[in-house]
Amino acid sequence: MSVPSPRARARRSLVALVAPLVVLGTVSCGGGGRPATAVLAPTPTLPPLEPAVLALPITIQTSAVVAAIEKALPRADSLDRARCLTLGGVVCHQYAYRRDTLQLRVTGDRVDMLARLRYRGRVALPTGGSVGSCGFAPEPMPRAELRFTTSLYWRSDWRLATRATQLTSAMPDPCQVTLLRVDATPLMKRIVDWQLGRAVSQVDSAFPALADLRAAADSMWRQLQAPVPVDSAGTAWLLMSPESVALAPIEGRGTAIHSGVTLVARPRIVSGPRPQVAVRPLPPLALARPASGLRVPVQIELPFAEIARQSAALLAQETAGQPLRVTGVEVVGAGDSALVRLNMEGRMNGALTLVGRPRYDETSRTLMFDDLHYSVESRDRMTRLKATLGAPLIKRAIDQATGGGKLALGPQLDAARMQLTQQMNRALAPDVAVGGGVRSLRVTGLHTSPTAFVVRVLLEGDAGLWAR
């Protein structure tokens, strides 16, 4: 038994939209159908589809900032006489320290750093000669505290930056030089202040490098604009159609910085060849309220013209050489229903028009039709009798072509779920990755527009961004 190719299966899926009407209609021609009305009701305007919101929390670890501070303020270090003279003045002879603690904490958009040191120093009297000291055994090393606070914000280039930085140094223990009991604390404080300024300089340059999200945002923005196939034959495409992107205000806790990217899009699934999309550049940065989670309404559009074209080709092939042949198919929207017109030749020269109301069956995940009725149009009065004779031929052709006359939407829905999950699990930049998934999928509505069947689906899930 041969297995149909992916393209053949795709063609049959489109014909399956027409099949339920034709199968049921040809059976109804035997006497159980209800004549179609001649006047078509106007197709109602579709209710607006809410936009998709992809809110991706961002977690940024501050370990790189701590490493930058440790580089500027090593665990232990010393200054030689030349450097000591430059920083402390003509009396400075030697300075050495040992760092006890280094703490960096983020609260909201505020960053606080505290470093505790113990130091010792030697000073020379202005007149030269003798050298005094503090912090050398048997004396304990005096303590010093270095603090800075700063606020974080997002720059327009999608990088973190600092502002309103405040520096504070404290010397809880004085530096009393043993010789003549001279207080060298002010001299040592100048050196401590220099150390603090050096650490802050490292911090100011480390935060922009810590989270450069422009490359990641641009990558995601461009990827979401690209059509993604949702079937193996390339006849159905997911278009995310992003509209805007924004960053949430910074909200830090402990050693991590938290924010979020919020993308607003208008996704839909369309049938036919690969759509041509003009790629739009990343819009200017905007700020959004904090949010989380994926809420993605997707509109699946099944154009009548494409259904009719492929259905006509397949039905013509299926009925070739038969007493009753299908020569053309037309599909239009009629109120909340769909109207299918089949042009036929052979035993009957005319058209069979069928109208039915589409519905989605949740159990089988298929598109079906209710409230079916039909009419036969022909110049020949005998056509109405011949239509009954031709019904089994059309029914058999449709059954063979579609496997029972139902459109299975499940594979397309599963493919949309898989493609969105793939979009949410990949690297966006060398140090930025996105991860997440879709936890639920449900059909929220089935409509007919003037040009297409429209199936609306809601996908919900979670995702996040991580900057390393």
Foldseek 3Di string as FASTA:
>chain_A
DDDDDQVLQVLLLLLLVVQQQQLVALVCLVPPFAADDPDFAAADDDDDDAWWKAKFKEKFFCVLLVVLLCVLVPQKDKDAQVVLCVQQNDFFHIKIKGWDDWFWWDAFQKIKIKIKMFMKGKTAPPVGDDIWIFCDPPHHTWMKMKMKMWGWWADQQRFIATDPMDIDMDGPDWIQTPVVRDTSRVSVVSVVVVSNVSSVVSNRVRRRVRTRCNLLVQLLLQVLQAWDDLGPVQFKTKHFAWDAKEKEGWGTGTRMIMIIIMIITAIEMEGGHGDDTDRDGHDTYDYDHRDWWIKHKYKYWYFQVVSFVSSQVQQQVLCPPHQKGWNGWGWWDGHQKIKIWTQIDGLAGWIKIKIFHWDADPVQQWIHTPPIHIDTDDPDPCNSVSSSVCSVSSSVSSCVSHVRSINRCVSSQVSVQVVVQVSQAAASDPFKTKHWGWDDKDWDDWGGHRTTTITIMITIIGMHMYGD
